[in-house]
Amino acid sequence: MLTLNHWKVSVVLMVITVLLFAFVAAEILYIKYSGKPVGVPDIPRSQQTLGTGKPLRYVVMGDSTAISQGGTYADGYAVRTAAYLAESYTVTWQNVAVSGARAHDVEAKQLPKALAAKPDIVLIAVGANDVTHLTDTNSVVSSLGHVIDGLRQQNQAVEIVLTGSPDMGSVPRFAQPARWLAGERTKTLNDRIIALAHKKKAYFAPIAAQTGRQFRRHPELFAADKFHPTTEGYKLWTSVIIKTLQDKQIE
């Protein structure tokens, strides 16, 4: 038989549980209904050629950010990095990225398409959806490792650039403390991806570390859905990726 004190403790625990569930439900509803949807752009999927000079084959893999959802595709980092490479080469390039993709999607669905293009340089921009879907970091690293290995089995000299996740702690669509948690998961995941890049002799373009503060200070860099960047936001990432290409002498 419960004593009075036990009964009080049980009531308090029940109230805390109800309040916790109510808080979580409110967070989910806020995330679901905050902002207005932005469409998935219909981008060219066939190979395109730019520039003059020695031939170079370039492939972009990744998620919605690689197709500039929320911004203008022509000013997104896929097109702009291809244009940068075309300053020195005749670049034949293809974008196989898909909105909503996670690391395992890049491995299972995008890698075969990338291999068919026989690339010399590959940009892999994935991680944001793995942060928000709470994908196990070991799974993300395993998938990206398999992608890198698959590309290298075809071409040992292929250059690979990883961006990791952008700073998901800057996303205004997330209320606190979900936003803080997303920021912490971004750091954890990116640390693992950086370690993988070092191990696999790939390059890492630190878009989260170098632009996260600007996104946190300027919510106008986010599109109407309060999740994807605007064209101006994508330009910040483009500069980081191109600097990585320059620093590593991929030109």
Protein backbone atom coordinates (compact mmCIF):
# COMPACT_ATOMS: atom_id res chain seq x y z
CA MET A 1 0.00 0.00 0.00
CA LEU A 2 1.36 3.43 -0.96
CA THR A 3 2.16 5.84 1.83
CA LEU A 4 1.19 9.49 1.53
CA ASN A 5 4.78 10.45 0.61
CA HIS A 6 4.95 7.76 -2.06
CA TRP A 7 1.65 8.96 -3.46
CA LYS A 8 2.93 12.55 -3.66
CA VAL A 9 6.09 11.43 -5.43
CA SER A 10 4.01 9.43 -7.91
CA VAL A 11 1.82 12.45 -8.65
CA VAL A 12 4.82 14.71 -9.14
CA LEU A 13 6.44 12.22 -11.52
CA MET A 14 3.19 11.89 -13.45
CA VAL A 15 2.88 15.66 -13.79
CA ILE A 16 6.50 15.96 -14.94
CA THR A 17 5.94 13.21 -17.51
CA VAL A 18 2.81 14.89 -18.86
CA LEU A 19 4.59 18.25 -19.07
CA LEU A 20 7.55 16.65 -20.82
CA PHE A 21 5.34 15.00 -23.41
CA ALA A 22 3.47 18.28 -23.92
CA PHE A 23 6.77 20.12 -24.41
CA VAL A 24 8.04 17.59 -26.93
CA ALA A 25 4.72 17.72 -28.80
CA ALA A 26 4.89 21.52 -28.91
CA GLU A 27 8.48 21.33 -30.28
CA ILE A 28 7.40 18.91 -33.00
CA LEU A 29 4.44 21.06 -34.00
CA TYR A 30 6.63 24.17 -34.07
CA ILE A 31 9.16 22.49 -36.34
CA LYS A 32 6.45 21.04 -38.58
CA TYR A 33 4.48 24.26 -39.11
CA SER A 34 7.17 26.93 -38.83
CA GLY A 35 7.96 28.60 -42.13
CA LYS A 36 6.54 28.09 -45.59
CA PRO A 37 7.56 25.22 -47.90
CA VAL A 38 10.02 25.92 -50.70
CA GLY A 39 9.92 23.81 -53.83
CA VAL A 40 12.49 21.28 -54.94
CA PRO A 41 14.19 22.75 -58.03
CA ASP A 42 14.11 20.83 -61.28
CA ILE A 43 17.79 20.86 -62.19
CA PRO A 44 19.65 19.48 -65.24
CA ARG A 45 20.61 15.85 -64.60
CA SER A 46 22.59 15.14 -67.74
CA GLN A 47 26.29 15.87 -68.08
CA GLN A 48 27.24 19.44 -68.96
CA THR A 49 30.48 20.87 -70.30
CA LEU A 50 32.13 24.17 -69.41
CA GLY A 51 35.45 25.88 -70.10
CA THR A 52 38.51 25.10 -72.17
CA GLY A 53 41.73 23.26 -71.50
CA LYS A 54 42.63 19.82 -70.24
CA PRO A 55 39.56 17.56 -69.75
CA LEU A 56 38.28 17.17 -66.18
CA ARG A 57 35.27 15.16 -64.99
CA TYR A 58 33.41 16.48 -61.95
CA VAL A 59 30.48 15.03 -59.98
CA VAL A 60 28.40 16.59 -57.21
CA MET A 61 26.71 14.25 -54.73
CA GLY A 62 24.57 15.09 -51.73
CA ASP A 63 21.28 16.45 -50.45
CA SER A 64 18.93 19.39 -51.10
CA THR A 65 21.66 21.96 -50.52
CA ALA A 66 23.60 20.57 -53.49
CA ILE A 67 20.64 21.41 -55.72
CA SER A 68 20.21 24.83 -54.05
CA GLN A 69 16.74 24.28 -52.62
CA GLY A 70 15.61 27.61 -51.20
CA GLY A 71 17.89 29.56 -53.52
CA THR A 72 18.76 29.95 -57.20
CA TYR A 73 20.44 26.90 -58.71
CA ALA A 74 22.61 28.92 -61.07
CA ASP A 75 24.13 30.66 -58.04
CA GLY A 76 24.42 27.55 -55.87
CA TYR A 77 27.68 25.88 -54.96
CA ALA A 78 27.33 23.02 -57.46
CA VAL A 79 27.21 25.33 -60.46
CA ARG A 80 29.68 27.84 -59.05
CA THR A 81 32.32 25.23 -58.19
CA ALA A 82 31.95 23.75 -61.67
CA ALA A 83 32.45 27.24 -63.11
CA TYR A 84 35.53 27.72 -60.94
CA LEU A 85 37.08 24.50 -62.21
CA ALA A 86 36.19 25.51 -65.75
CA GLU A 87 38.53 28.49 -65.42
CA SER A 88 41.40 26.02 -65.86
CA TYR A 89 39.83 22.97 -67.50
CA THR A 90 37.22 21.72 -69.91
CA VAL A 91 34.90 20.44 -67.21
CA THR A 92 32.34 17.75 -67.92
CA TRP A 93 30.19 17.64 -64.84
CA GLN A 94 27.03 16.12 -63.44
CA ASN A 95 24.90 16.69 -60.35
CA VAL A 96 23.41 13.49 -58.87
CA ALA A 97 22.35 15.02 -55.52
CA VAL A 98 18.78 14.49 -54.29
CA SER A 99 16.71 16.48 -51.82
CA GLY A 100 16.30 14.64 -48.52
CA ALA A 101 19.32 12.40 -49.03
CA ARG A 102 21.29 11.03 -46.11
CA ALA A 103 24.69 9.38 -46.18
CA HIS A 104 23.26 5.91 -46.80
CA ASP A 105 21.30 7.29 -49.78
CA VAL A 106 24.48 8.73 -51.25
CA GLU A 107 26.09 5.31 -50.93
CA ALA A 108 23.19 3.22 -52.20
CA LYS A 109 21.63 5.45 -54.85
CA GLN A 110 24.10 8.13 -55.92
CA LEU A 111 27.39 6.23 -55.96
CA PRO A 112 26.44 4.07 -59.00
CA LYS A 113 25.56 7.23 -60.96
CA ALA A 114 28.80 8.91 -59.91
CA LEU A 115 30.84 5.90 -60.97
CA ALA A 116 29.16 5.92 -64.36
CA ALA A 117 30.48 9.46 -64.87
CA LYS A 118 34.08 8.35 -64.12
CA PRO A 119 34.95 11.50 -62.17
CA ASP A 120 38.34 13.08 -61.48
CA ILE A 121 36.86 15.28 -58.71
CA VAL A 122 33.85 14.61 -56.50
CA LEU A 123 32.07 16.94 -54.07
CA ILE A 124 30.05 15.10 -51.39
CA ALA A 125 27.73 17.48 -49.57
CA VAL A 126 25.69 15.48 -47.08
CA GLY A 127 25.10 15.45 -43.33
CA ALA A 128 22.27 17.85 -42.52
CA ASN A 129 19.54 15.23 -42.80
CA ASP A 130 21.63 12.78 -40.81
CA VAL A 131 21.79 15.37 -38.02
CA THR A 132 18.03 16.00 -38.02
CA HIS A 133 17.11 12.31 -38.35
CA LEU A 134 19.48 11.35 -35.51
CA THR A 135 21.37 8.92 -37.74
CA ASP A 136 24.04 7.04 -35.81
CA THR A 137 27.40 8.70 -36.52
CA ASN A 138 29.03 5.31 -37.05
CA SER A 139 26.51 4.62 -39.82
CA VAL A 140 27.22 7.98 -41.49
CA VAL A 141 30.99 7.44 -41.38
CA SER A 142 30.60 3.89 -42.67
CA SER A 143 28.49 5.01 -45.64
CA LEU A 144 30.83 7.86 -46.55
CA GLY A 145 33.81 5.54 -46.20
CA HIS A 146 32.21 3.10 -48.62
CA VAL A 147 31.54 5.93 -51.08
CA ILE A 148 35.16 7.08 -50.96
CA ASP A 149 36.42 3.51 -51.32
CA GLY A 150 34.12 2.89 -54.27
CA LEU A 151 35.32 6.02 -56.05
CA ARG A 152 38.97 5.17 -55.36
CA GLN A 153 38.57 1.61 -56.62
CA GLN A 154 37.59 3.08 -59.97
CA ASN A 155 40.16 5.88 -59.97
CA GLN A 156 42.94 5.94 -57.37
CA ALA A 157 43.73 9.55 -58.24
CA VAL A 158 40.19 10.91 -57.77
CA GLU A 159 40.06 14.01 -55.56
CA ILE A 160 37.22 14.03 -53.02
CA VAL A 161 35.85 16.98 -51.05
CA LEU A 162 33.49 16.50 -48.11
CA THR A 163 31.48 19.34 -46.58
CA GLY A 164 29.93 17.52 -43.66
CA SER A 165 26.80 19.08 -42.20
CA PRO A 166 26.15 22.81 -42.18
CA ASP A 167 25.55 24.31 -38.75
CA MET A 168 22.10 22.95 -37.92
CA GLY A 169 22.22 24.88 -34.66
CA SER A 170 21.65 28.03 -36.72
CA VAL A 171 18.36 26.87 -38.26
CA PRO A 172 15.52 29.18 -37.12
CA ARG A 173 12.92 26.51 -37.82
CA PHE A 174 14.10 24.70 -34.68
CA ALA A 175 12.98 26.03 -31.32
CA GLN A 176 15.22 25.73 -28.29
CA PRO A 177 16.48 23.39 -26.96
CA ALA A 178 16.17 21.44 -30.24
CA ARG A 179 18.30 24.05 -31.97
CA TRP A 180 21.07 23.68 -29.40
CA LEU A 181 20.92 19.90 -29.68
CA ALA A 182 21.13 20.14 -33.48
CA GLY A 183 24.21 22.34 -33.14
CA GLU A 184 25.89 19.85 -30.82
CA ARG A 185 25.08 16.94 -33.14
CA THR A 186 26.54 18.93 -36.04
CA LYS A 187 29.85 19.29 -34.19
CA THR A 188 29.92 15.61 -33.23
CA LEU A 189 29.15 14.40 -36.74
CA ASN A 190 31.55 16.79 -38.44
CA ASP A 191 34.38 15.79 -36.12
CA ARG A 192 33.89 12.20 -37.26
CA ILE A 193 33.76 13.22 -40.93
CA ILE A 194 36.93 15.31 -40.56
CA ALA A 195 38.69 12.29 -39.07
CA LEU A 196 37.45 10.16 -41.97
CA ALA A 197 38.70 12.72 -44.49
CA HIS A 198 42.16 12.65 -42.93
CA LYS A 199 42.19 8.86 -42.87
CA LYS A 200 41.07 8.55 -46.49
CA LYS A 201 43.21 11.43 -47.76
CA ALA A 202 40.15 13.39 -48.81
CA TYR A 203 39.55 17.12 -48.27
CA PHE A 204 37.12 18.76 -45.86
CA ALA A 205 35.42 22.08 -46.61
CA PRO A 206 34.34 23.43 -43.17
CA ILE A 207 31.08 25.14 -44.09
CA ALA A 208 29.64 24.81 -40.56
CA ALA A 209 32.69 26.13 -38.73
CA GLN A 210 33.29 29.02 -41.09
CA THR A 211 29.73 30.21 -41.79
CA GLY A 212 27.67 29.02 -38.82
CA ARG A 213 28.13 32.26 -36.87
CA GLN A 214 26.90 34.33 -39.82
CA PHE A 215 23.81 32.16 -40.23
CA ARG A 216 23.08 32.44 -36.49
CA ARG A 217 23.36 36.21 -36.59
CA HIS A 218 21.46 36.70 -39.83
CA PRO A 219 18.25 34.64 -40.08
CA GLU A 220 17.51 36.45 -43.34
CA LEU A 221 20.06 34.07 -44.89
CA PHE A 222 17.37 31.39 -44.62
CA ALA A 223 14.59 30.87 -47.15
CA ALA A 224 10.87 31.02 -46.39
CA ASP A 225 10.91 27.51 -44.90
CA LYS A 226 13.40 28.70 -42.25
CA PHE A 227 15.51 25.64 -43.04
CA HIS A 228 17.25 25.97 -46.40
CA PRO A 229 19.56 28.88 -47.23
CA THR A 230 18.73 31.67 -49.62
CA THR A 231 20.94 32.37 -52.62
CA GLU A 232 23.03 34.67 -50.41
CA GLY A 233 23.39 31.91 -47.86
CA TYR A 234 24.58 29.45 -50.48
CA LYS A 235 27.19 31.97 -51.63
CA LEU A 236 28.80 31.78 -48.19
CA TRP A 237 29.21 28.01 -48.54
CA THR A 238 30.46 28.36 -52.10
CA SER A 239 33.32 30.58 -50.97
CA VAL A 240 34.39 28.00 -48.36
CA ILE A 241 34.31 25.13 -50.86
CA ILE A 242 36.22 27.06 -53.52
CA LYS A 243 38.82 28.10 -50.95
CA THR A 244 39.27 24.42 -50.09
CA LEU A 245 39.80 23.66 -53.78
CA GLN A 246 42.34 26.48 -53.98
CA ASP A 247 44.18 25.57 -50.76
CA LYS A 248 44.50 21.95 -51.79
CA GLN A 249 45.56 23.00 -55.29
CA ILE A 250 42.64 21.25 -56.97
CA GLU A 251 42.49 23.55 -59.94
